[in-house]
Amino acid sequence: MTSWQIVRVVAGIFILVSLALGVPGSPMFVSQWWLAFTAFVGANLLQSGVTRWCVMESVLRRLGVHKGD
């Protein structure tokens, strides 16, 4: 997988897990504060879309993951 694919997969997993932990109707509910993590991930996706720079992608590139097309 390329770095941009990994970023999107991880972001999707983070969003789904934090929603499962933060929505009161969920069987996995822990606290509504998990929704703040969902907002954080969304804000980072928005920022990386506007600035074309993503911290996680930079870290993955330093670890040797290829950028891709």
PDB file of N, CA and C in Angstrom:
ATOM      1  N   MET A   1       0.839  -1.182   0.000  1.00  0.00           N
ATOM      2  CA  MET A   1       0.000   0.000   0.000  1.00  0.00           C
ATOM      3  C   MET A   1       0.884   1.247   0.000  1.00  0.00           C
ATOM      4  N   THR A   2       0.379   2.281  -0.596  1.00  0.00           N
ATOM      5  CA  THR A   2       1.114   3.544  -0.613  1.00  0.00           C
ATOM      6  C   THR A   2       0.752   4.366   0.622  1.00  0.00           C
ATOM      7  N   SER A   3       1.533   5.412   0.880  1.00  0.00           N
ATOM      8  CA  SER A   3       1.323   6.212   2.087  1.00  0.00           C
ATOM      9  C   SER A   3      -0.049   6.879   2.100  1.00  0.00           C
ATOM     10  N   TRP A   4      -0.522   7.369   0.967  1.00  0.00           N
ATOM     11  CA  TRP A   4      -1.826   8.035   0.964  1.00  0.00           C
ATOM     12  C   TRP A   4      -2.954   7.043   1.192  1.00  0.00           C
ATOM     13  N   GLN A   5      -2.790   5.794   0.750  1.00  0.00           N
ATOM     14  CA  GLN A   5      -3.801   4.771   1.013  1.00  0.00           C
ATOM     15  C   GLN A   5      -3.830   4.413   2.497  1.00  0.00           C
ATOM     16  N   ILE A   6      -2.664   4.284   3.105  1.00  0.00           N
ATOM     17  CA  ILE A   6      -2.584   3.954   4.531  1.00  0.00           C
ATOM     18  C   ILE A   6      -3.219   5.056   5.361  1.00  0.00           C
ATOM     19  N   VAL A   7      -2.957   6.314   5.019  1.00  0.00           N
ATOM     20  CA  VAL A   7      -3.537   7.444   5.750  1.00  0.00           C
ATOM     21  C   VAL A   7      -5.060   7.365   5.709  1.00  0.00           C
ATOM     22  N   ARG A   8      -5.620   7.106   4.556  1.00  0.00           N
ATOM     23  CA  ARG A   8      -7.073   7.060   4.429  1.00  0.00           C
ATOM     24  C   ARG A   8      -7.676   5.856   5.144  1.00  0.00           C
ATOM     25  N   VAL A   9      -7.027   4.720   5.095  1.00  0.00           N
ATOM     26  CA  VAL A   9      -7.520   3.534   5.805  1.00  0.00           C
ATOM     27  C   VAL A   9      -7.490   3.767   7.314  1.00  0.00           C
ATOM     28  N   VAL A  10      -6.379   4.296   7.817  1.00  0.00           N
ATOM     29  CA  VAL A  10      -6.254   4.559   9.254  1.00  0.00           C
ATOM     30  C   VAL A  10      -7.270   5.612   9.693  1.00  0.00           C
ATOM     31  N   ALA A  11      -7.451   6.669   8.907  1.00  0.00           N
ATOM     32  CA  ALA A  11      -8.430   7.701   9.254  1.00  0.00           C
ATOM     33  C   ALA A  11      -9.838   7.109   9.304  1.00  0.00           C
ATOM     34  N   GLY A  12     -10.168   6.272   8.352  1.00  0.00           N
ATOM     35  CA  GLY A  12     -11.479   5.620   8.352  1.00  0.00           C
ATOM     36  C   GLY A  12     -11.684   4.734   9.564  1.00  0.00           C
ATOM     37  N   ILE A  13     -10.660   3.980   9.923  1.00  0.00           N
ATOM     38  CA  ILE A  13     -10.746   3.117  11.106  1.00  0.00           C
ATOM     39  C   ILE A  13     -10.907   3.966  12.364  1.00  0.00           C
ATOM     40  N   PHE A  14     -10.093   5.037  12.482  1.00  0.00           N
ATOM     41  CA  PHE A  14     -10.203   5.925  13.645  1.00  0.00           C
ATOM     42  C   PHE A  14     -11.605   6.513  13.762  1.00  0.00           C
ATOM     43  N   ILE A  15     -12.177   6.950  12.657  1.00  0.00           N
ATOM     44  CA  ILE A  15     -13.506   7.563  12.688  1.00  0.00           C
ATOM     45  C   ILE A  15     -14.558   6.540  13.102  1.00  0.00           C
ATOM     46  N   LEU A  16     -14.531   5.364  12.501  1.00  0.00           N
ATOM     47  CA  LEU A  16     -15.535   4.345  12.837  1.00  0.00           C
ATOM     48  C   LEU A  16     -15.432   3.885  14.292  1.00  0.00           C
ATOM     49  N   VAL A  17     -14.213   3.683  14.776  1.00  0.00           N
ATOM     50  CA  VAL A  17     -14.031   3.248  16.161  1.00  0.00           C
ATOM     51  C   VAL A  17     -14.447   4.340  17.141  1.00  0.00           C
ATOM     52  N   SER A  18     -14.053   5.586  16.858  1.00  0.00           N
ATOM     53  CA  SER A  18     -14.414   6.661  17.782  1.00  0.00           C
ATOM     54  C   SER A  18     -15.913   6.916  17.778  1.00  0.00           C
ATOM     55  N   LEU A  19     -16.575   6.731  16.645  1.00  0.00           N
ATOM     56  CA  LEU A  19     -18.033   6.843  16.626  1.00  0.00           C
ATOM     57  C   LEU A  19     -18.678   5.708  17.429  1.00  0.00           C
ATOM     58  N   ALA A  20     -18.163   4.509  17.285  1.00  0.00           N
ATOM     59  CA  ALA A  20     -18.704   3.383  18.050  1.00  0.00           C
ATOM     60  C   ALA A  20     -18.530   3.595  19.557  1.00  0.00           C
ATOM     61  N   LEU A  21     -17.437   4.234  19.945  1.00  0.00           N
ATOM     62  CA  LEU A  21     -17.180   4.475  21.364  1.00  0.00           C
ATOM     63  C   LEU A  21     -17.867   5.735  21.888  1.00  0.00           C
ATOM     64  N   GLY A  22     -18.300   6.631  20.995  1.00  0.00           N
ATOM     65  CA  GLY A  22     -18.819   7.920  21.433  1.00  0.00           C
ATOM     66  C   GLY A  22     -20.306   8.146  21.270  1.00  0.00           C
ATOM     67  N   VAL A  23     -20.977   7.321  20.479  1.00  0.00           N
ATOM     68  CA  VAL A  23     -22.415   7.498  20.263  1.00  0.00           C
ATOM     69  C   VAL A  23     -23.172   6.728  21.336  1.00  0.00           C
ATOM     70  N   PRO A  24     -24.021   7.410  22.093  1.00  0.00           N
ATOM     71  CA  PRO A  24     -24.711   6.756  23.215  1.00  0.00           C
ATOM     72  C   PRO A  24     -25.523   5.511  22.846  1.00  0.00           C
ATOM     73  N   GLY A  25     -26.033   5.417  21.640  1.00  0.00           N
ATOM     74  CA  GLY A  25     -26.821   4.254  21.242  1.00  0.00           C
ATOM     75  C   GLY A  25     -25.989   3.039  20.864  1.00  0.00           C
ATOM     76  N   SER A  26     -24.673   3.205  20.796  1.00  0.00           N
ATOM     77  CA  SER A  26     -23.797   2.112  20.389  1.00  0.00           C
ATOM     78  C   SER A  26     -23.605   1.104  21.519  1.00  0.00           C
ATOM     79  N   PRO A  27     -23.549  -0.193  21.175  1.00  0.00           N
ATOM     80  CA  PRO A  27     -23.282  -1.199  22.224  1.00  0.00           C
ATOM     81  C   PRO A  27     -21.866  -1.096  22.798  1.00  0.00           C
ATOM     82  N   MET A  28     -20.974  -0.378  22.118  1.00  0.00           N
ATOM     83  CA  MET A  28     -19.600  -0.221  22.587  1.00  0.00           C
ATOM     84  C   MET A  28     -19.379   1.139  23.249  1.00  0.00           C
ATOM     85  N   PHE A  29     -20.465   1.870  23.550  1.00  0.00           N
ATOM     86  CA  PHE A  29     -20.377   3.226  24.088  1.00  0.00           C
ATOM     87  C   PHE A  29     -19.515   3.280  25.348  1.00  0.00           C
ATOM     88  N   VAL A  30     -18.623   4.267  25.396  1.00  0.00           N
ATOM     89  CA  VAL A  30     -17.772   4.519  26.559  1.00  0.00           C
ATOM     90  C   VAL A  30     -18.030   5.921  27.085  1.00  0.00           C
ATOM     91  N   SER A  31     -17.853   6.922  26.209  1.00  0.00           N
ATOM     92  CA  SER A  31     -18.020   8.313  26.605  1.00  0.00           C
ATOM     93  C   SER A  31     -18.249   9.153  25.355  1.00  0.00           C
ATOM     94  N   GLN A  32     -19.042  10.226  25.492  1.00  0.00           N
ATOM     95  CA  GLN A  32     -19.259  11.101  24.351  1.00  0.00           C
ATOM     96  C   GLN A  32     -17.997  11.886  23.985  1.00  0.00           C
ATOM     97  N   TRP A  33     -17.010  11.896  24.850  1.00  0.00           N
ATOM     98  CA  TRP A  33     -15.750  12.583  24.547  1.00  0.00           C
ATOM     99  C   TRP A  33     -15.020  11.947  23.371  1.00  0.00           C
ATOM    100  N   TRP A  34     -15.347  10.702  23.030  1.00  0.00           N
ATOM    101  CA  TRP A  34     -14.743  10.077  21.850  1.00  0.00           C
ATOM    102  C   TRP A  34     -15.126  10.816  20.574  1.00  0.00           C
ATOM    103  N   LEU A  35     -16.246  11.535  20.592  1.00  0.00           N
ATOM    104  CA  LEU A  35     -16.651  12.300  19.413  1.00  0.00           C
ATOM    105  C   LEU A  35     -15.683  13.451  19.141  1.00  0.00           C
ATOM    106  N   ALA A  36     -14.993  13.920  20.173  1.00  0.00           N
ATOM    107  CA  ALA A  36     -13.958  14.946  19.974  1.00  0.00           C
ATOM    108  C   ALA A  36     -12.820  14.375  19.127  1.00  0.00           C
ATOM    109  N   PHE A  37     -12.504  13.097  19.324  1.00  0.00           N
ATOM    110  CA  PHE A  37     -11.470  12.452  18.504  1.00  0.00           C
ATOM    111  C   PHE A  37     -11.933  12.356  17.053  1.00  0.00           C
ATOM    112  N   THR A  38     -13.213  12.066  16.849  1.00  0.00           N
ATOM    113  CA  THR A  38     -13.761  12.038  15.492  1.00  0.00           C
ATOM    114  C   THR A  38     -13.589  13.396  14.830  1.00  0.00           C
ATOM    115  N   ALA A  39     -13.901  14.473  15.568  1.00  0.00           N
ATOM    116  CA  ALA A  39     -13.745  15.826  15.039  1.00  0.00           C
ATOM    117  C   ALA A  39     -12.278  16.136  14.747  1.00  0.00           C
ATOM    118  N   PHE A  40     -11.374  15.673  15.593  1.00  0.00           N
ATOM    119  CA  PHE A  40      -9.937  15.887  15.384  1.00  0.00           C
ATOM    120  C   PHE A  40      -9.471  15.228  14.087  1.00  0.00           C
ATOM    121  N   VAL A  41      -9.891  13.995  13.859  1.00  0.00           N
ATOM    122  CA  VAL A  41      -9.502  13.291  12.628  1.00  0.00           C
ATOM    123  C   VAL A  41     -10.077  14.012  11.410  1.00  0.00           C
ATOM    124  N   GLY A  42     -11.346  14.424  11.490  1.00  0.00           N
ATOM    125  CA  GLY A  42     -11.962  15.157  10.389  1.00  0.00           C
ATOM    126  C   GLY A  42     -11.255  16.465  10.099  1.00  0.00           C
ATOM    127  N   ALA A  43     -10.876  17.190  11.158  1.00  0.00           N
ATOM    128  CA  ALA A  43     -10.164  18.456  10.977  1.00  0.00           C
ATOM    129  C   ALA A  43      -8.802  18.226  10.326  1.00  0.00           C
ATOM    130  N   ASN A  44      -8.138  17.156  10.698  1.00  0.00           N
ATOM    131  CA  ASN A  44      -6.839  16.858  10.076  1.00  0.00           C
ATOM    132  C   ASN A  44      -6.998  16.475   8.614  1.00  0.00           C
ATOM    133  N   LEU A  45      -8.057  15.747   8.274  1.00  0.00           N
ATOM    134  CA  LEU A  45      -8.310  15.422   6.870  1.00  0.00           C
ATOM    135  C   LEU A  45      -8.598  16.692   6.069  1.00  0.00           C
ATOM    136  N   LEU A  46      -9.381  17.592   6.645  1.00  0.00           N
ATOM    137  CA  LEU A  46      -9.664  18.863   5.985  1.00  0.00           C
ATOM    138  C   LEU A  46      -8.388  19.677   5.787  1.00  0.00           C
ATOM    139  N   GLN A  47      -7.582  19.769   6.829  1.00  0.00           N
ATOM    140  CA  GLN A  47      -6.321  20.516   6.750  1.00  0.00           C
ATOM    141  C   GLN A  47      -5.397  19.928   5.695  1.00  0.00           C
ATOM    142  N   SER A  48      -5.282  18.599   5.647  1.00  0.00           N
ATOM    143  CA  SER A  48      -4.372  17.993   4.670  1.00  0.00           C
ATOM    144  C   SER A  48      -4.899  18.158   3.251  1.00  0.00           C
ATOM    145  N   GLY A  49      -6.214  18.212   3.096  1.00  0.00           N
ATOM    146  CA  GLY A  49      -6.777  18.447   1.766  1.00  0.00           C
ATOM    147  C   GLY A  49      -6.530  19.855   1.262  1.00  0.00           C
ATOM    148  N   VAL A  50      -6.542  20.814   2.178  1.00  0.00           N
ATOM    149  CA  VAL A  50      -6.347  22.210   1.794  1.00  0.00           C
ATOM    150  C   VAL A  50      -4.866  22.528   1.600  1.00  0.00           C
ATOM    151  N   THR A  51      -4.021  22.052   2.524  1.00  0.00           N
ATOM    152  CA  THR A  51      -2.599  22.411   2.472  1.00  0.00           C
ATOM    153  C   THR A  51      -1.746  21.411   1.698  1.00  0.00           C
ATOM    154  N   ARG A  52      -2.312  20.252   1.383  1.00  0.00           N
ATOM    155  CA  ARG A  52      -1.585  19.164   0.716  1.00  0.00           C
ATOM    156  C   ARG A  52      -0.397  18.681   1.550  1.00  0.00           C
ATOM    157  N   TRP A  53      -0.514  18.758   2.888  1.00  0.00           N
ATOM    158  CA  TRP A  53       0.515  18.268   3.800  1.00  0.00           C
ATOM    159  C   TRP A  53      -0.150  17.507   4.940  1.00  0.00           C
ATOM    160  N   CYS A  54       0.333  16.315   5.222  1.00  0.00           N
ATOM    161  CA  CYS A  54      -0.244  15.468   6.252  1.00  0.00           C
ATOM    162  C   CYS A  54       0.891  14.935   7.129  1.00  0.00           C
ATOM    163  N   VAL A  55       0.743  15.119   8.434  1.00  0.00           N
ATOM    164  CA  VAL A  55       1.777  14.671   9.373  1.00  0.00           C
ATOM    165  C   VAL A  55       1.981  13.161   9.273  1.00  0.00           C
ATOM    166  N   MET A  56       0.876  12.412   9.276  1.00  0.00           N
ATOM    167  CA  MET A  56       0.996  10.952   9.240  1.00  0.00           C
ATOM    168  C   MET A  56       1.675  10.475   7.962  1.00  0.00           C
ATOM    169  N   GLU A  57       1.367  11.114   6.858  1.00  0.00           N
ATOM    170  CA  GLU A  57       2.014  10.722   5.604  1.00  0.00           C
ATOM    171  C   GLU A  57       3.505  11.025   5.650  1.00  0.00           C
ATOM    172  N   SER A  58       3.880  12.140   6.268  1.00  0.00           N
ATOM    173  CA  SER A  58       5.301  12.469   6.416  1.00  0.00           C
ATOM    174  C   SER A  58       6.017  11.414   7.256  1.00  0.00           C
ATOM    175  N   VAL A  59       5.383  10.970   8.328  1.00  0.00           N
ATOM    176  CA  VAL A  59       5.965   9.932   9.188  1.00  0.00           C
ATOM    177  C   VAL A  59       6.092   8.625   8.418  1.00  0.00           C
ATOM    178  N   LEU A  60       5.057   8.254   7.680  1.00  0.00           N
ATOM    179  CA  LEU A  60       5.106   7.018   6.894  1.00  0.00           C
ATOM    180  C   LEU A  60       6.208   7.072   5.839  1.00  0.00           C
ATOM    181  N   ARG A  61       6.386   8.226   5.223  1.00  0.00           N
ATOM    182  CA  ARG A  61       7.447   8.366   4.221  1.00  0.00           C
ATOM    183  C   ARG A  61       8.824   8.184   4.845  1.00  0.00           C
ATOM    184  N   ARG A  62       9.004   8.711   6.074  1.00  0.00           N
ATOM    185  CA  ARG A  62      10.291   8.537   6.768  1.00  0.00           C
ATOM    186  C   ARG A  62      10.524   7.085   7.154  1.00  0.00           C
ATOM    187  N   LEU A  63       9.435   6.335   7.337  1.00  0.00           N
ATOM    188  CA  LEU A  63       9.545   4.920   7.668  1.00  0.00           C
ATOM    189  C   LEU A  63       9.782   4.057   6.424  1.00  0.00           C
ATOM    190  N   GLY A  64       9.785   4.695   5.250  1.00  0.00           N
ATOM    191  CA  GLY A  64      10.112   3.975   4.031  1.00  0.00           C
ATOM    192  C   GLY A  64       8.924   3.577   3.188  1.00  0.00           C
ATOM    193  N   VAL A  65       7.728   4.023   3.520  1.00  0.00           N
ATOM    194  CA  VAL A  65       6.552   3.706   2.718  1.00  0.00           C
ATOM    195  C   VAL A  65       6.552   4.594   1.477  1.00  0.00           C
ATOM    196  N   HIS A  66       6.255   4.020   0.320  1.00  0.00           N
ATOM    197  CA  HIS A  66       6.264   4.780  -0.936  1.00  0.00           C
ATOM    198  C   HIS A  66       5.043   5.691  -1.008  1.00  0.00           C
ATOM    199  N   LYS A  67       5.241   6.857  -1.623  1.00  0.00           N
ATOM    200  CA  LYS A  67       4.171   7.847  -1.740  1.00  0.00           C
ATOM    201  C   LYS A  67       3.076   7.375  -2.696  1.00  0.00           C
ATOM    202  N   GLY A  68       3.450   6.810  -3.794  1.00  0.00           N
ATOM    203  CA  GLY A  68       2.465   6.374  -4.801  1.00  0.00           C
ATOM    204  C   GLY A  68       2.077   7.508  -5.713  1.00  0.00           C
ATOM    205  N   ASP A  69       1.067   7.253  -6.555  1.00  0.00           N
ATOM    206  CA  ASP A  69       0.638   8.266  -7.532  1.00  0.00           C
ATOM    207  C   ASP A  69      -0.474   9.112  -7.002  1.00  0.00           C
TER     208      ASP A  69
END
